[in-house]
C-alpha atoms as a PDB file:
ATOM      1  CA  UNK A   1       0.035   0.019  -0.102  1.00  0.00           C
ATOM      2  CA  UNK A   2       1.221   3.364  -0.591  1.00  0.00           C
ATOM      3  CA  UNK A   3       0.075   6.581   1.037  1.00  0.00           C
ATOM      4  CA  UNK A   4       0.100  10.059  -0.169  1.00  0.00           C
ATOM      5  CA  UNK A   5      -0.601  13.101   1.979  1.00  0.00           C
ATOM      6  CA  UNK A   6      -1.984  16.430   1.053  1.00  0.00           C
ATOM      7  CA  UNK A   7      -0.268  19.133   2.665  1.00  0.00           C
ATOM      8  CA  UNK A   8      -0.205  22.428   2.718  1.00  0.00           C
ATOM      9  CA  UNK A   9       3.222  23.713   4.548  1.00  0.00           C
ATOM     10  CA  UNK A  10       6.472  22.939   4.899  1.00  0.00           C
ATOM     11  CA  UNK A  11       5.682  22.178   9.076  1.00  0.00           C
ATOM     12  CA  UNK A  12       2.897  19.353   7.228  1.00  0.00           C
ATOM     13  CA  UNK A  13       5.411  17.843   4.304  1.00  0.00           C
ATOM     14  CA  UNK A  14       7.821  17.129   7.532  1.00  0.00           C
ATOM     15  CA  UNK A  15       5.225  15.235   9.877  1.00  0.00           C
ATOM     16  CA  UNK A  16       3.975  13.380   6.433  1.00  0.00           C
ATOM     17  CA  UNK A  17       7.169  11.682   6.201  1.00  0.00           C
ATOM     18  CA  UNK A  18       7.925  10.805   9.651  1.00  0.00           C
ATOM     19  CA  UNK A  19       4.514  10.039  10.288  1.00  0.00           C
ATOM     20  CA  UNK A  20       5.076   6.943   7.684  1.00  0.00           C
ATOM     21  CA  UNK A  21       3.490   9.092   4.101  1.00  0.00           C
ATOM     22  CA  UNK A  22       5.290   7.429   0.948  1.00  0.00           C
ATOM     23  CA  UNK A  23       4.875  10.653  -1.066  1.00  0.00           C
ATOM     24  CA  UNK A  24       3.159  14.292  -0.733  1.00  0.00           C
ATOM     25  CA  UNK A  25       1.172  16.499  -2.512  1.00  0.00           C
ATOM     26  CA  UNK A  26       2.179  20.025  -2.048  1.00  0.00           C
ATOM     27  CA  UNK A  27      -0.712  22.584  -2.382  1.00  0.00           C
ATOM     28  CA  UNK A  28      -1.910  25.571  -0.727  1.00  0.00           C
ATOM     29  CA  UNK A  29      -5.494  26.989  -0.168  1.00  0.00           C
ATOM     30  CA  UNK A  30      -7.043  23.914   0.980  1.00  0.00           C
ATOM     31  CA  UNK A  31     -10.319  25.124   1.961  1.00  0.00           C
ATOM     32  CA  UNK A  32     -11.265  25.712  -2.134  1.00  0.00           C
ATOM     33  CA  UNK A  33     -10.035  22.710  -3.073  1.00  0.00           C
ATOM     34  CA  UNK A  34      -6.205  23.476  -3.526  1.00  0.00           C
ATOM     35  CA  UNK A  35      -4.099  25.932  -5.599  1.00  0.00           C
ATOM     36  CA  UNK A  36      -0.015  25.990  -6.781  1.00  0.00           C
ATOM     37  CA  UNK A  37       1.867  26.620  -3.962  1.00  0.00           C
ATOM     38  CA  UNK A  38       4.723  29.269  -4.345  1.00  0.00           C
ATOM     39  CA  UNK A  39       8.524  28.525  -5.760  1.00  0.00           C
ATOM     40  CA  UNK A  40      10.076  28.645  -2.171  1.00  0.00           C
ATOM     41  CA  UNK A  41       7.339  26.569  -1.027  1.00  0.00           C
ATOM     42  CA  UNK A  42       8.554  23.938  -3.806  1.00  0.00           C
ATOM     43  CA  UNK A  43      11.988  24.440  -3.498  1.00  0.00           C
ATOM     44  CA  UNK A  44      11.908  23.843   0.598  1.00  0.00           C
ATOM     45  CA  UNK A  45       9.752  20.315   0.206  1.00  0.00           C
ATOM     46  CA  UNK A  46      12.119  19.229  -2.581  1.00  0.00           C
ATOM     47  CA  UNK A  47      15.393  20.020  -0.316  1.00  0.00           C
ATOM     48  CA  UNK A  48      13.410  18.928   3.059  1.00  0.00           C
ATOM     49  CA  UNK A  49      11.886  15.976   2.322  1.00  0.00           C
ATOM     50  CA  UNK A  50      13.681  12.011   1.249  1.00  0.00           C
ATOM     51  CA  UNK A  51      10.474  11.097  -0.105  1.00  0.00           C
ATOM     52  CA  UNK A  52       8.585  11.915  -3.744  1.00  0.00           C
ATOM     53  CA  UNK A  53       7.069  15.421  -3.905  1.00  0.00           C
ATOM     54  CA  UNK A  54       4.121  15.611  -6.110  1.00  0.00           C
ATOM     55  CA  UNK A  55       2.965  19.685  -6.503  1.00  0.00           C
ATOM     56  CA  UNK A  56      -1.010  20.526  -7.587  1.00  0.00           C
ATOM     57  CA  UNK A  57      -0.939  22.550 -10.653  1.00  0.00           C
ATOM     58  CA  UNK A  58      -4.093  24.846 -10.319  1.00  0.00           C
ATOM     59  CA  UNK A  59      -3.728  28.377 -10.874  1.00  0.00           C
ATOM     60  CA  UNK A  60      -7.455  29.857  -9.572  1.00  0.00           C
ATOM     61  CA  UNK A  61     -10.301  28.363  -7.517  1.00  0.00           C
ATOM     62  CA  UNK A  62     -13.513  27.241  -9.346  1.00  0.00           C
ATOM     63  CA  UNK A  63     -14.116  25.207 -12.375  1.00  0.00           C
ATOM     64  CA  UNK A  64     -11.996  23.592 -14.763  1.00  0.00           C
ATOM     65  CA  UNK A  65     -12.040  25.116 -17.932  1.00  0.00           C
ATOM     66  CA  UNK A  66      -9.323  27.058 -18.407  1.00  0.00           C
ATOM     67  CA  UNK A  67      -8.261  29.724 -20.823  1.00  0.00           C
ATOM     68  CA  UNK A  68      -5.600  29.934 -22.813  1.00  0.00           C
ATOM     69  CA  UNK A  69      -3.782  32.469 -20.761  1.00  0.00           C
ATOM     70  CA  UNK A  70      -4.031  30.383 -17.813  1.00  0.00           C
ATOM     71  CA  UNK A  71      -3.000  27.144 -19.543  1.00  0.00           C
ATOM     72  CA  UNK A  72       0.184  29.385 -20.242  1.00  0.00           C
ATOM     73  CA  UNK A  73       0.596  29.833 -16.447  1.00  0.00           C
ATOM     74  CA  UNK A  74       0.108  26.228 -15.776  1.00  0.00           C
ATOM     75  CA  UNK A  75       3.007  25.140 -18.198  1.00  0.00           C
ATOM     76  CA  UNK A  76       5.123  27.844 -16.664  1.00  0.00           C
ATOM     77  CA  UNK A  77       4.669  26.528 -13.163  1.00  0.00           C
ATOM     78  CA  UNK A  78       4.935  23.003 -14.643  1.00  0.00           C
ATOM     79  CA  UNK A  79       8.398  23.608 -16.146  1.00  0.00           C
ATOM     80  CA  UNK A  80       9.360  25.602 -13.025  1.00  0.00           C
ATOM     81  CA  UNK A  81       8.528  22.231 -11.183  1.00  0.00           C
ATOM     82  CA  UNK A  82      10.665  20.083 -13.559  1.00  0.00           C
ATOM     83  CA  UNK A  83      13.429  21.874 -13.328  1.00  0.00           C
ATOM     84  CA  UNK A  84      13.068  22.010  -9.303  1.00  0.00           C
ATOM     85  CA  UNK A  85      13.434  18.549  -8.679  1.00  0.00           C
ATOM     86  CA  UNK A  86      10.020  17.315  -7.824  1.00  0.00           C
ATOM     87  CA  UNK A  87       8.680  13.976  -8.547  1.00  0.00           C
ATOM     88  CA  UNK A  88       5.759  14.765 -10.389  1.00  0.00           C
ATOM     89  CA  UNK A  89       2.750  17.009 -10.791  1.00  0.00           C
ATOM     90  CA  UNK A  90      -0.853  16.809 -10.555  1.00  0.00           C
ATOM     91  CA  UNK A  91      -3.146  18.855 -13.194  1.00  0.00           C
ATOM     92  CA  UNK A  92      -6.750  18.697 -14.868  1.00  0.00           C
ATOM     93  CA  UNK A  93      -8.236  20.621 -17.445  1.00  0.00           C
ATOM     94  CA  UNK A  94     -11.683  20.196 -18.590  1.00  0.00           C
ATOM     95  CA  UNK A  95     -13.923  21.849 -21.612  1.00  0.00           C
ATOM     96  CA  UNK A  96     -17.066  23.473 -21.515  1.00  0.00           C
ATOM     97  CA  UNK A  97     -19.470  20.421 -21.661  1.00  0.00           C
ATOM     98  CA  UNK A  98     -17.395  18.329 -19.025  1.00  0.00           C
ATOM     99  CA  UNK A  99     -15.088  16.450 -20.961  1.00  0.00           C
ATOM    100  CA  UNK A 100     -11.184  16.294 -20.747  1.00  0.00           C
ATOM    101  CA  UNK A 101      -9.699  19.278 -22.419  1.00  0.00           C
ATOM    102  CA  UNK A 102      -7.675  16.631 -24.381  1.00  0.00           C
ATOM    103  CA  UNK A 103      -5.006  19.268 -25.747  1.00  0.00           C
ATOM    104  CA  UNK A 104      -4.536  21.306 -22.883  1.00  0.00           C
ATOM    105  CA  UNK A 105      -3.970  17.894 -21.366  1.00  0.00           C
ATOM    106  CA  UNK A 106      -1.460  16.805 -23.537  1.00  0.00           C
ATOM    107  CA  UNK A 107       0.304  20.119 -23.353  1.00  0.00           C
ATOM    108  CA  UNK A 108       0.815  19.454 -19.940  1.00  0.00           C
ATOM    109  CA  UNK A 109       2.040  16.394 -20.151  1.00  0.00           C
ATOM    110  CA  UNK A 110       4.445  17.296 -22.945  1.00  0.00           C
ATOM    111  CA  UNK A 111       5.680  19.868 -20.633  1.00  0.00           C
ATOM    112  CA  UNK A 112       5.882  17.279 -17.889  1.00  0.00           C
ATOM    113  CA  UNK A 113       8.883  15.623 -19.369  1.00  0.00           C
ATOM    114  CA  UNK A 114      10.018  12.374 -17.792  1.00  0.00           C
ATOM    115  CA  UNK A 115       8.759  13.271 -14.499  1.00  0.00           C
ATOM    116  CA  UNK A 116       5.545  11.733 -13.120  1.00  0.00           C
ATOM    117  CA  UNK A 117       1.730  12.862 -14.282  1.00  0.00           C
ATOM    118  CA  UNK A 118      -1.265  12.485 -12.227  1.00  0.00           C
ATOM    119  CA  UNK A 119      -5.334  14.176 -13.106  1.00  0.00           C
ATOM    120  CA  UNK A 120      -6.418  15.430  -9.888  1.00  0.00           C
ATOM    121  CA  UNK A 121      -9.969  15.642  -9.165  1.00  0.00           C
ATOM    122  CA  UNK A 122     -11.135  17.532 -12.215  1.00  0.00           C
ATOM    123  CA  UNK A 123     -11.647  13.669 -13.167  1.00  0.00           C
ATOM    124  CA  UNK A 124     -14.639  13.500 -10.819  1.00  0.00           C
ATOM    125  CA  UNK A 125     -16.247  16.110 -12.666  1.00  0.00           C
ATOM    126  CA  UNK A 126     -16.337  14.878 -15.877  1.00  0.00           C
ATOM    127  CA  UNK A 127     -19.559  13.122 -17.574  1.00  0.00           C
ATOM    128  CA  UNK A 128     -18.080   9.980 -18.964  1.00  0.00           C
ATOM    129  CA  UNK A 129     -15.297   9.145 -16.472  1.00  0.00           C
ATOM    130  CA  UNK A 130     -14.538   5.722 -18.155  1.00  0.00           C
ATOM    131  CA  UNK A 131     -14.003   7.092 -21.544  1.00  0.00           C
ATOM    132  CA  UNK A 132     -12.113  10.204 -19.714  1.00  0.00           C
ATOM    133  CA  UNK A 133     -10.113   6.892 -17.802  1.00  0.00           C
ATOM    134  CA  UNK A 134      -9.233   5.910 -21.127  1.00  0.00           C
ATOM    135  CA  UNK A 135      -7.712   8.999 -22.564  1.00  0.00           C
ATOM    136  CA  UNK A 136      -5.895   9.379 -19.404  1.00  0.00           C
ATOM    137  CA  UNK A 137      -4.419   5.583 -20.263  1.00  0.00           C
ATOM    138  CA  UNK A 138      -3.682   6.846 -23.866  1.00  0.00           C
ATOM    139  CA  UNK A 139      -2.022  10.119 -22.998  1.00  0.00           C
ATOM    140  CA  UNK A 140       0.721   8.388 -21.009  1.00  0.00           C
ATOM    141  CA  UNK A 141      -0.785   9.608 -17.369  1.00  0.00           C
ATOM    142  CA  UNK A 142       0.456   7.431 -14.154  1.00  0.00           C
ATOM    143  CA  UNK A 143      -2.453   7.822 -11.718  1.00  0.00           C
ATOM    144  CA  UNK A 144      -6.033   9.186 -11.052  1.00  0.00           C
ATOM    145  CA  UNK A 145      -7.139  10.909  -7.978  1.00  0.00           C
ATOM    146  CA  UNK A 146     -10.901  10.484  -7.421  1.00  0.00           C
ATOM    147  CA  UNK A 147     -13.892  10.331  -4.982  1.00  0.00           C
ATOM    148  CA  UNK A 148     -15.428   8.153  -7.044  1.00  0.00           C
ATOM    149  CA  UNK A 149     -17.392  11.320  -8.447  1.00  0.00           C
ATOM    150  CA  UNK A 150     -19.175  11.923  -4.974  1.00  0.00           C
ATOM    151  CA  UNK A 151     -18.657  13.780  -1.842  1.00  0.00           C
ATOM    152  CA  UNK A 152     -16.082  11.441  -0.281  1.00  0.00           C
ATOM    153  CA  UNK A 153     -14.000   8.101  -1.795  1.00  0.00           C
ATOM    154  CA  UNK A 154     -16.166   6.034   0.881  1.00  0.00           C
ATOM    155  CA  UNK A 155     -19.579   6.824  -0.751  1.00  0.00           C
ATOM    156  CA  UNK A 156     -17.846   6.260  -4.230  1.00  0.00           C
ATOM    157  CA  UNK A 157     -16.245   3.503  -3.548  1.00  0.00           C
ATOM    158  CA  UNK A 158     -18.010   1.402  -5.842  1.00  0.00           C
ATOM    159  CA  UNK A 159     -17.537   3.494  -8.598  1.00  0.00           C
ATOM    160  CA  UNK A 160     -14.141   3.705  -7.809  1.00  0.00           C
ATOM    161  CA  UNK A 161     -14.388  -0.076  -7.894  1.00  0.00           C
ATOM    162  CA  UNK A 162     -15.332  -0.368 -11.001  1.00  0.00           C
ATOM    163  CA  UNK A 163     -12.210   2.240 -12.106  1.00  0.00           C
ATOM    164  CA  UNK A 164      -9.830  -0.023 -10.769  1.00  0.00           C
ATOM    165  CA  UNK A 165     -11.050  -3.106 -12.655  1.00  0.00           C
ATOM    166  CA  UNK A 166     -11.149  -1.118 -15.841  1.00  0.00           C
ATOM    167  CA  UNK A 167      -7.907   0.091 -15.184  1.00  0.00           C
ATOM    168  CA  UNK A 168      -6.570  -3.018 -15.035  1.00  0.00           C
ATOM    169  CA  UNK A 169      -2.970  -1.967 -13.802  1.00  0.00           C
ATOM    170  CA  UNK A 170      -2.794   0.362 -16.800  1.00  0.00           C
ATOM    171  CA  UNK A 171      -2.842   3.456 -14.963  1.00  0.00           C
ATOM    172  CA  UNK A 172      -3.244   3.843 -10.779  1.00  0.00           C
ATOM    173  CA  UNK A 173      -6.585   4.442  -9.571  1.00  0.00           C
ATOM    174  CA  UNK A 174      -5.617   6.766  -6.264  1.00  0.00           C
ATOM    175  CA  UNK A 175      -9.040   6.840  -3.700  1.00  0.00           C
ATOM    176  CA  UNK A 176      -9.087  10.614  -2.067  1.00  0.00           C
ATOM    177  CA  UNK A 177     -11.186  12.803  -0.294  1.00  0.00           C
ATOM    178  CA  UNK A 178     -12.538  12.628   3.154  1.00  0.00           C
ATOM    179  CA  UNK A 179     -10.680   9.499   4.188  1.00  0.00           C
ATOM    180  CA  UNK A 180     -10.644   8.731   7.895  1.00  0.00           C
ATOM    181  CA  UNK A 181      -8.624   5.935  10.126  1.00  0.00           C
ATOM    182  CA  UNK A 182     -12.418   4.817  10.044  1.00  0.00           C
ATOM    183  CA  UNK A 183     -13.532   4.368   6.579  1.00  0.00           C
ATOM    184  CA  UNK A 184      -9.637   3.554   4.955  1.00  0.00           C
ATOM    185  CA  UNK A 185     -10.158  -0.030   5.437  1.00  0.00           C
ATOM    186  CA  UNK A 186     -13.825  -0.172   3.796  1.00  0.00           C
ATOM    187  CA  UNK A 187     -12.439   1.757   1.047  1.00  0.00           C
ATOM    188  CA  UNK A 188      -9.730  -0.365   0.382  1.00  0.00           C
ATOM    189  CA  UNK A 189     -11.296  -3.822   0.444  1.00  0.00           C
ATOM    190  CA  UNK A 190     -14.044  -2.465  -2.070  1.00  0.00           C
ATOM    191  CA  UNK A 191     -12.091  -0.818  -4.361  1.00  0.00           C
ATOM    192  CA  UNK A 192      -8.997  -3.185  -4.501  1.00  0.00           C
ATOM    193  CA  UNK A 193      -6.968   0.111  -4.845  1.00  0.00           C
ATOM    194  CA  UNK A 194      -3.158  -0.067  -3.980  1.00  0.00           C
ATOM    195  CA  UNK A 195      -2.902   4.002  -3.120  1.00  0.00           C
ATOM    196  CA  UNK A 196      -4.746   6.222  -1.417  1.00  0.00           C
ATOM    197  CA  UNK A 197      -4.215  10.163  -1.100  1.00  0.00           C
ATOM    198  CA  UNK A 198      -5.724  11.919   2.338  1.00  0.00           C
ATOM    199  CA  UNK A 199      -4.692  15.135   4.522  1.00  0.00           C
ATOM    200  CA  UNK A 200      -5.463  13.715   8.264  1.00  0.00           C
ATOM    201  CA  UNK A 201      -5.526  17.371   8.775  1.00  0.00           C
ATOM    202  CA  UNK A 202      -6.208  19.502  12.077  1.00  0.00           C
ATOM    203  CA  UNK A 203      -7.341  23.152  12.690  1.00  0.00           C
ATOM    204  CA  UNK A 204      -4.381  25.061  14.186  1.00  0.00           C
ATOM    205  CA  UNK A 205      -6.028  28.237  15.883  1.00  0.00           C
ATOM    206  CA  UNK A 206      -4.154  32.327  15.667  1.00  0.00           C
ATOM    207  CA  UNK A 207      -3.375  33.808  18.712  1.00  0.00           C
ATOM    208  CA  UNK A 208      -5.148  37.159  17.464  1.00  0.00           C
ATOM    209  CA  UNK A 209      -8.351  36.969  15.212  1.00  0.00           C
ATOM    210  CA  UNK A 210      -8.327  40.493  12.949  1.00  0.00           C
ATOM    211  CA  UNK A 211     -11.941  41.147  11.035  1.00  0.00           C
ATOM    212  CA  UNK A 212     -11.329  40.129   7.534  1.00  0.00           C
ATOM    213  CA  UNK A 213      -7.830  38.198   8.267  1.00  0.00           C
ATOM    214  CA  UNK A 214      -8.523  34.324   9.185  1.00  0.00           C
ATOM    215  CA  UNK A 215      -5.937  33.259  12.191  1.00  0.00           C
ATOM    216  CA  UNK A 216      -6.416  29.733  11.896  1.00  0.00           C
ATOM    217  CA  UNK A 217      -4.696  27.665   9.482  1.00  0.00           C
ATOM    218  CA  UNK A 218      -4.774  23.797   8.863  1.00  0.00           C
ATOM    219  CA  UNK A 219      -1.813  21.738   9.362  1.00  0.00           C
ATOM    220  CA  UNK A 220      -1.255  18.036   8.672  1.00  0.00           C
ATOM    221  CA  UNK A 221      -1.602  15.866  11.901  1.00  0.00           C
ATOM    222  CA  UNK A 222       1.050  13.785  12.829  1.00  0.00           C
ATOM    223  CA  UNK A 223      -0.856  10.839  15.355  1.00  0.00           C
ATOM    224  CA  UNK A 224      -3.859  11.125  12.695  1.00  0.00           C
ATOM    225  CA  UNK A 225      -1.743  10.604   9.806  1.00  0.00           C
ATOM    226  CA  UNK A 226      -0.572   7.418  11.673  1.00  0.00           C
ATOM    227  CA  UNK A 227      -3.522   6.085  12.743  1.00  0.00           C
ATOM    228  CA  UNK A 228      -4.749   6.395   9.043  1.00  0.00           C
ATOM    229  CA  UNK A 229      -1.706   4.679   7.760  1.00  0.00           C
ATOM    230  CA  UNK A 230      -1.921   1.834  10.974  1.00  0.00           C
ATOM    231  CA  UNK A 231      -5.288   0.671   9.309  1.00  0.00           C
ATOM    232  CA  UNK A 232      -3.652  -1.313   6.602  1.00  0.00           C
ATOM    233  CA  UNK A 233       0.041  -0.824   7.025  1.00  0.00           C
END
């Protein structure tokens, strides 16, 4: 089993490695589904960790139908990540009618070169996931992060089971979203997946509250990650 921990700052990344994570997905702005982290944070994670660092490439919140200007931003971020020594990038782009935007996905795959490339949960918004999966296989993607098109991987576990069977080892299906120590065993047994994505996060309280400026922030909880990993380890 492989455990990928979604981390949003350097202390979380370090905690994820200590707790037994096999890889991290690095992002920021978890409350809005995650955005691309700063270049400084990316460099720090690559230099501090001994486990692989994958980086989320998402230029803004909201839908995944991107303009050509936004594609240029994502390609530039992918270029930086490749040059910074990351293990892989996590991407996704859709058309207005909820199909994978294949030209944009192909452009991002080309820019990634020989580093790993993963499709993020834009996949869960596709109108025909089985078709989208075959496209990702054809494009040479390594992995798909998915909740089975449901609010959580537990709720979508039967769809994930079908995707794992369809993938048949050609691409990895990685359940993610709402995975906890209480449900990861059920998700694993139902889906047959070998990789799992979760945050194990906790809310850190700020000492000072300023109107319009949030003092609290999310961080990975090392003990919670250990509890989740222990269910399958």
